[in-house]
N, C-alpha and C. Protein backbone atom coordinates (compact mmCIF):
# COMPACT_ATOMS: atom_id res chain seq x y z
N UNK A 1 14.53 -12.14 -23.71
CA UNK A 1 14.54 -13.03 -24.86
C UNK A 1 13.86 -12.34 -26.03
N UNK A 2 14.52 -12.32 -27.16
CA UNK A 2 13.97 -11.68 -28.34
C UNK A 2 12.78 -12.46 -28.88
N UNK A 3 11.88 -11.74 -29.50
CA UNK A 3 10.73 -12.37 -30.12
C UNK A 3 11.12 -12.89 -31.49
N UNK A 4 10.64 -14.07 -31.82
CA UNK A 4 10.91 -14.67 -33.12
C UNK A 4 9.57 -14.91 -33.79
N UNK A 5 9.45 -14.50 -35.06
CA UNK A 5 8.19 -14.68 -35.79
C UNK A 5 8.52 -15.40 -37.09
N UNK A 6 7.90 -16.56 -37.27
CA UNK A 6 8.13 -17.36 -38.47
C UNK A 6 6.85 -17.34 -39.29
N UNK A 7 6.98 -16.96 -40.57
CA UNK A 7 5.81 -16.88 -41.44
C UNK A 7 5.70 -18.11 -42.32
N UNK A 8 4.48 -18.65 -42.41
CA UNK A 8 4.19 -19.80 -43.27
C UNK A 8 2.91 -19.51 -44.03
N UNK A 9 2.75 -20.16 -45.18
CA UNK A 9 1.49 -20.09 -45.92
C UNK A 9 0.86 -21.47 -45.89
N UNK A 10 -0.40 -21.55 -45.47
CA UNK A 10 -1.13 -22.81 -45.46
C UNK A 10 -2.48 -22.56 -46.14
N UNK A 11 -2.69 -23.18 -47.29
CA UNK A 11 -3.96 -23.05 -48.03
C UNK A 11 -4.37 -21.60 -48.24
N UNK A 12 -3.41 -20.75 -48.58
CA UNK A 12 -3.71 -19.35 -48.85
C UNK A 12 -3.88 -18.49 -47.61
N UNK A 13 -3.59 -19.07 -46.45
CA UNK A 13 -3.69 -18.33 -45.19
C UNK A 13 -2.28 -18.08 -44.67
N UNK A 14 -2.01 -16.86 -44.25
CA UNK A 14 -0.70 -16.52 -43.69
C UNK A 14 -0.71 -16.86 -42.20
N UNK A 15 0.21 -17.74 -41.81
CA UNK A 15 0.33 -18.14 -40.41
C UNK A 15 1.62 -17.53 -39.85
N UNK A 16 1.48 -16.75 -38.80
CA UNK A 16 2.65 -16.17 -38.13
C UNK A 16 2.84 -16.92 -36.81
N UNK A 17 3.90 -17.71 -36.76
CA UNK A 17 4.21 -18.45 -35.54
C UNK A 17 5.04 -17.53 -34.65
N UNK A 18 4.49 -17.20 -33.48
CA UNK A 18 5.13 -16.25 -32.56
C UNK A 18 5.81 -17.06 -31.46
N UNK A 19 7.12 -16.80 -31.28
CA UNK A 19 7.91 -17.56 -30.31
C UNK A 19 8.60 -16.57 -29.36
N UNK A 20 8.38 -16.75 -28.06
CA UNK A 20 9.04 -15.91 -27.07
C UNK A 20 8.05 -15.10 -26.26
N UNK A 21 8.52 -13.95 -25.78
CA UNK A 21 7.72 -13.07 -24.94
C UNK A 21 7.21 -11.88 -25.74
N UNK A 22 5.94 -11.52 -25.53
CA UNK A 22 5.37 -10.34 -26.17
C UNK A 22 5.16 -9.32 -25.07
N UNK A 23 6.13 -8.42 -24.93
CA UNK A 23 6.12 -7.46 -23.83
C UNK A 23 6.37 -6.05 -24.33
N UNK A 24 6.16 -5.08 -23.44
CA UNK A 24 6.36 -3.68 -23.76
C UNK A 24 7.77 -3.47 -24.32
N UNK A 25 7.86 -2.72 -25.38
CA UNK A 25 9.17 -2.40 -25.96
C UNK A 25 9.37 -3.07 -27.30
N UNK A 26 10.58 -3.56 -27.49
CA UNK A 26 10.99 -4.10 -28.78
C UNK A 26 10.10 -5.26 -29.25
N UNK A 27 9.72 -6.15 -28.34
CA UNK A 27 8.95 -7.32 -28.75
C UNK A 27 7.57 -6.95 -29.29
N UNK A 28 6.85 -6.11 -28.55
CA UNK A 28 5.52 -5.73 -29.02
C UNK A 28 5.62 -4.89 -30.30
N UNK A 29 6.65 -4.05 -30.40
CA UNK A 29 6.88 -3.27 -31.63
C UNK A 29 7.15 -4.19 -32.81
N UNK A 30 7.92 -5.24 -32.57
CA UNK A 30 8.26 -6.19 -33.62
C UNK A 30 7.00 -6.88 -34.14
N UNK A 31 6.13 -7.31 -33.24
CA UNK A 31 4.89 -7.97 -33.65
C UNK A 31 3.99 -6.99 -34.39
N UNK A 32 3.88 -5.78 -33.89
CA UNK A 32 3.04 -4.75 -34.53
C UNK A 32 3.53 -4.49 -35.95
N UNK A 33 4.84 -4.34 -36.11
CA UNK A 33 5.42 -4.10 -37.44
C UNK A 33 5.16 -5.26 -38.37
N UNK A 34 5.31 -6.48 -37.88
CA UNK A 34 5.10 -7.66 -38.72
C UNK A 34 3.65 -7.75 -39.19
N UNK A 35 2.71 -7.45 -38.30
CA UNK A 35 1.30 -7.47 -38.68
C UNK A 35 1.00 -6.39 -39.71
N UNK A 36 1.53 -5.18 -39.49
CA UNK A 36 1.33 -4.08 -40.46
C UNK A 36 1.91 -4.44 -41.81
N UNK A 37 3.10 -5.03 -41.82
CA UNK A 37 3.75 -5.42 -43.08
C UNK A 37 2.91 -6.45 -43.83
N UNK A 38 2.39 -7.42 -43.10
CA UNK A 38 1.56 -8.46 -43.73
C UNK A 38 0.31 -7.84 -44.36
N UNK A 39 -0.33 -6.94 -43.62
CA UNK A 39 -1.52 -6.27 -44.14
C UNK A 39 -1.17 -5.40 -45.35
N UNK A 40 -0.02 -4.71 -45.29
CA UNK A 40 0.42 -3.86 -46.39
C UNK A 40 0.69 -4.67 -47.65
N UNK A 41 1.07 -5.93 -47.48
CA UNK A 41 1.32 -6.82 -48.62
C UNK A 41 0.03 -7.41 -49.16
N UNK A 42 -1.11 -7.00 -48.59
CA UNK A 42 -2.40 -7.46 -49.09
C UNK A 42 -2.83 -8.81 -48.53
N UNK A 43 -2.18 -9.25 -47.48
CA UNK A 43 -2.57 -10.52 -46.87
C UNK A 43 -3.80 -10.27 -45.99
N UNK A 44 -4.90 -10.93 -46.31
CA UNK A 44 -6.15 -10.65 -45.62
C UNK A 44 -6.60 -11.78 -44.72
N UNK A 45 -5.92 -12.91 -44.78
CA UNK A 45 -6.28 -14.05 -43.93
C UNK A 45 -5.07 -14.41 -43.09
N UNK A 46 -5.11 -13.98 -41.83
CA UNK A 46 -3.97 -14.13 -40.92
C UNK A 46 -4.33 -14.98 -39.71
N UNK A 47 -3.40 -15.84 -39.34
CA UNK A 47 -3.53 -16.62 -38.10
C UNK A 47 -2.26 -16.42 -37.29
N UNK A 48 -2.41 -16.09 -36.02
CA UNK A 48 -1.26 -16.02 -35.12
C UNK A 48 -1.22 -17.33 -34.33
N UNK A 49 -0.13 -18.07 -34.52
CA UNK A 49 0.09 -19.31 -33.77
C UNK A 49 0.85 -18.94 -32.50
N UNK A 50 0.16 -19.01 -31.37
CA UNK A 50 0.72 -18.52 -30.11
C UNK A 50 1.17 -19.64 -29.17
N UNK A 51 1.35 -20.85 -29.70
CA UNK A 51 1.71 -22.00 -28.86
C UNK A 51 3.01 -21.79 -28.10
N UNK A 52 3.95 -21.04 -28.69
CA UNK A 52 5.26 -20.89 -28.06
C UNK A 52 5.49 -19.49 -27.47
N UNK A 53 4.38 -18.79 -27.19
CA UNK A 53 4.50 -17.52 -26.48
C UNK A 53 4.61 -17.84 -25.00
N UNK A 54 5.75 -17.48 -24.41
CA UNK A 54 5.99 -17.83 -23.01
C UNK A 54 5.38 -16.83 -22.04
N UNK A 55 5.16 -15.59 -22.51
CA UNK A 55 4.60 -14.56 -21.64
C UNK A 55 4.08 -13.43 -22.50
N UNK A 56 2.95 -12.87 -22.10
CA UNK A 56 2.42 -11.69 -22.78
C UNK A 56 1.93 -10.72 -21.71
N UNK A 57 2.33 -9.45 -21.83
CA UNK A 57 1.90 -8.46 -20.84
C UNK A 57 0.81 -7.58 -21.47
N UNK A 58 0.40 -6.54 -20.74
CA UNK A 58 -0.69 -5.69 -21.22
C UNK A 58 -0.33 -5.00 -22.54
N UNK A 59 0.94 -4.65 -22.70
CA UNK A 59 1.36 -4.04 -23.96
C UNK A 59 1.23 -5.04 -25.11
N UNK A 60 1.55 -6.29 -24.83
CA UNK A 60 1.40 -7.34 -25.83
C UNK A 60 -0.06 -7.55 -26.20
N UNK A 61 -0.93 -7.54 -25.20
CA UNK A 61 -2.37 -7.65 -25.47
C UNK A 61 -2.84 -6.46 -26.30
N UNK A 62 -2.34 -5.28 -25.97
CA UNK A 62 -2.68 -4.08 -26.73
C UNK A 62 -2.24 -4.19 -28.19
N UNK A 63 -1.08 -4.79 -28.40
CA UNK A 63 -0.58 -4.99 -29.75
C UNK A 63 -1.50 -5.92 -30.53
N UNK A 64 -1.97 -6.98 -29.88
CA UNK A 64 -2.90 -7.90 -30.54
C UNK A 64 -4.21 -7.19 -30.89
N UNK A 65 -4.73 -6.39 -29.98
CA UNK A 65 -5.97 -5.66 -30.24
C UNK A 65 -5.76 -4.66 -31.38
N UNK A 66 -4.64 -3.96 -31.37
CA UNK A 66 -4.35 -3.00 -32.44
C UNK A 66 -4.23 -3.72 -33.79
N UNK A 67 -3.57 -4.88 -33.79
CA UNK A 67 -3.43 -5.66 -35.02
C UNK A 67 -4.78 -6.14 -35.52
N UNK A 68 -5.63 -6.57 -34.60
CA UNK A 68 -6.97 -7.03 -34.96
C UNK A 68 -7.77 -5.88 -35.57
N UNK A 69 -7.70 -4.71 -34.92
CA UNK A 69 -8.43 -3.53 -35.40
C UNK A 69 -7.93 -3.10 -36.78
N UNK A 70 -6.61 -3.07 -36.96
CA UNK A 70 -6.04 -2.71 -38.27
C UNK A 70 -6.51 -3.68 -39.34
N UNK A 71 -6.51 -4.97 -39.01
CA UNK A 71 -6.95 -5.98 -39.97
C UNK A 71 -8.41 -5.74 -40.35
N UNK A 72 -9.26 -5.53 -39.35
CA UNK A 72 -10.68 -5.29 -39.61
C UNK A 72 -10.87 -4.05 -40.49
N UNK A 73 -10.14 -2.99 -40.19
CA UNK A 73 -10.27 -1.74 -40.95
C UNK A 73 -9.83 -1.89 -42.40
N UNK A 74 -8.99 -2.89 -42.67
CA UNK A 74 -8.49 -3.11 -44.03
C UNK A 74 -9.18 -4.29 -44.70
N UNK A 75 -10.27 -4.75 -44.11
CA UNK A 75 -11.02 -5.85 -44.70
C UNK A 75 -10.35 -7.21 -44.54
N UNK A 76 -9.41 -7.30 -43.62
CA UNK A 76 -8.70 -8.56 -43.37
C UNK A 76 -9.25 -9.21 -42.11
N UNK A 77 -8.82 -10.43 -41.86
CA UNK A 77 -9.27 -11.16 -40.69
C UNK A 77 -8.08 -11.75 -39.96
N UNK A 78 -8.00 -11.52 -38.67
CA UNK A 78 -6.92 -12.02 -37.83
C UNK A 78 -7.51 -12.97 -36.80
N UNK A 79 -6.98 -14.20 -36.76
CA UNK A 79 -7.46 -15.20 -35.82
C UNK A 79 -6.29 -15.70 -34.97
N UNK A 80 -6.61 -16.18 -33.77
CA UNK A 80 -5.59 -16.69 -32.86
C UNK A 80 -5.71 -18.20 -32.74
N UNK A 81 -4.57 -18.87 -32.63
CA UNK A 81 -4.57 -20.33 -32.48
C UNK A 81 -3.54 -20.76 -31.44
N UNK A 82 -3.79 -21.92 -30.84
CA UNK A 82 -2.85 -22.56 -29.92
C UNK A 82 -2.51 -21.70 -28.71
N UNK A 83 -3.51 -21.13 -28.07
CA UNK A 83 -3.24 -20.32 -26.89
C UNK A 83 -2.77 -21.20 -25.74
N UNK A 84 -1.80 -20.72 -25.01
CA UNK A 84 -1.38 -21.44 -23.81
C UNK A 84 -2.49 -21.27 -22.76
N UNK A 85 -2.47 -22.12 -21.76
CA UNK A 85 -3.48 -22.06 -20.70
C UNK A 85 -3.49 -20.67 -20.05
N UNK A 86 -2.31 -20.17 -19.74
CA UNK A 86 -2.23 -18.87 -19.07
C UNK A 86 -2.73 -17.73 -19.95
N UNK A 87 -2.37 -17.77 -21.23
CA UNK A 87 -2.80 -16.72 -22.15
C UNK A 87 -4.32 -16.79 -22.35
N UNK A 88 -4.85 -17.99 -22.42
CA UNK A 88 -6.29 -18.18 -22.54
C UNK A 88 -7.00 -17.56 -21.33
N UNK A 89 -6.43 -17.77 -20.14
CA UNK A 89 -7.00 -17.18 -18.92
C UNK A 89 -6.96 -15.65 -18.99
N UNK A 90 -5.84 -15.10 -19.50
CA UNK A 90 -5.73 -13.64 -19.63
C UNK A 90 -6.82 -13.09 -20.56
N UNK A 91 -7.08 -13.79 -21.66
CA UNK A 91 -8.11 -13.34 -22.59
C UNK A 91 -9.49 -13.38 -21.95
N UNK A 92 -9.73 -14.38 -21.11
CA UNK A 92 -11.02 -14.45 -20.42
C UNK A 92 -11.16 -13.35 -19.37
N UNK A 93 -10.11 -13.13 -18.59
CA UNK A 93 -10.14 -12.10 -17.55
C UNK A 93 -10.38 -10.72 -18.14
N UNK A 94 -9.72 -10.44 -19.27
CA UNK A 94 -9.83 -9.12 -19.90
C UNK A 94 -11.04 -9.03 -20.84
N UNK A 95 -11.78 -10.13 -20.98
CA UNK A 95 -12.94 -10.22 -21.87
C UNK A 95 -12.55 -10.09 -23.35
N UNK A 96 -11.27 -10.17 -23.66
CA UNK A 96 -10.82 -10.09 -25.05
C UNK A 96 -11.18 -11.35 -25.82
N UNK A 97 -11.53 -12.41 -25.11
CA UNK A 97 -11.95 -13.64 -25.78
C UNK A 97 -13.21 -13.38 -26.61
N UNK A 98 -13.96 -12.34 -26.28
CA UNK A 98 -15.15 -11.99 -27.06
C UNK A 98 -14.79 -11.20 -28.32
N UNK A 99 -13.56 -10.70 -28.39
CA UNK A 99 -13.11 -9.91 -29.54
C UNK A 99 -12.51 -10.81 -30.61
N UNK A 100 -11.64 -11.71 -30.19
CA UNK A 100 -10.89 -12.54 -31.13
C UNK A 100 -11.60 -13.84 -31.46
N UNK A 101 -11.36 -14.34 -32.68
CA UNK A 101 -11.72 -15.71 -33.03
C UNK A 101 -10.56 -16.56 -32.55
N UNK A 102 -10.82 -17.48 -31.62
CA UNK A 102 -9.76 -18.30 -31.02
C UNK A 102 -9.99 -19.76 -31.38
N UNK A 103 -8.92 -20.42 -31.80
CA UNK A 103 -9.00 -21.82 -32.21
C UNK A 103 -7.96 -22.64 -31.46
N UNK A 104 -8.27 -23.94 -31.28
CA UNK A 104 -7.37 -24.83 -30.55
C UNK A 104 -6.13 -25.19 -31.36
N UNK A 105 -6.21 -25.10 -32.69
CA UNK A 105 -5.06 -25.45 -33.52
C UNK A 105 -5.02 -24.54 -34.75
N UNK A 106 -3.84 -24.48 -35.35
CA UNK A 106 -3.67 -23.70 -36.58
C UNK A 106 -4.57 -24.30 -37.67
N UNK A 107 -4.65 -25.63 -37.71
CA UNK A 107 -5.47 -26.30 -38.72
C UNK A 107 -6.93 -25.87 -38.61
N UNK A 108 -7.45 -25.80 -37.40
CA UNK A 108 -8.85 -25.37 -37.21
C UNK A 108 -9.03 -23.93 -37.65
N UNK A 109 -8.07 -23.07 -37.34
CA UNK A 109 -8.15 -21.66 -37.72
C UNK A 109 -8.12 -21.53 -39.25
N UNK A 110 -7.24 -22.27 -39.91
CA UNK A 110 -7.14 -22.23 -41.37
C UNK A 110 -8.45 -22.73 -42.00
N UNK A 111 -9.00 -23.82 -41.46
CA UNK A 111 -10.25 -24.37 -41.98
C UNK A 111 -11.40 -23.38 -41.82
N UNK A 112 -11.36 -22.57 -40.77
CA UNK A 112 -12.45 -21.61 -40.54
C UNK A 112 -12.52 -20.59 -41.68
N UNK A 113 -11.41 -20.29 -42.32
CA UNK A 113 -11.42 -19.39 -43.47
C UNK A 113 -12.11 -20.05 -44.65
N UNK A 114 -11.88 -21.35 -44.83
CA UNK A 114 -12.49 -22.07 -45.95
C UNK A 114 -14.00 -22.09 -45.81
N UNK A 115 -14.49 -22.32 -44.59
CA UNK A 115 -15.95 -22.37 -44.40
C UNK A 115 -16.57 -21.00 -44.48
N UNK A 116 -15.78 -19.95 -44.27
CA UNK A 116 -16.30 -18.58 -44.34
C UNK A 116 -16.39 -18.09 -45.78
N UNK A 117 -15.66 -18.71 -46.70
CA UNK A 117 -15.66 -18.24 -48.08
C UNK A 117 -16.90 -18.64 -48.82
């Protein structure tokens, strides 16, 4: 199943709604490219809405870490929202939950930017 990424702007925050599987190959490359493009356009406040991610493998996790690192290096901030139960467990097992800012909803993630300003 191809990965689908829908971009929205909410209160000056770029929200990328990720739908499908984030796996080794085309899908993880697609997400990596989309994150790089957003950063290249000067978007510094990014939220990944992961509610409709059906599966993520180690390559997908690597893509998220690479995107987070690229954002940090460019003075941007990448936050995760709406993790599925399984994905949340993966982040805990890999200890990546300590790397990412994780929120229960897109609204909470967007609000976190307002309180940080």
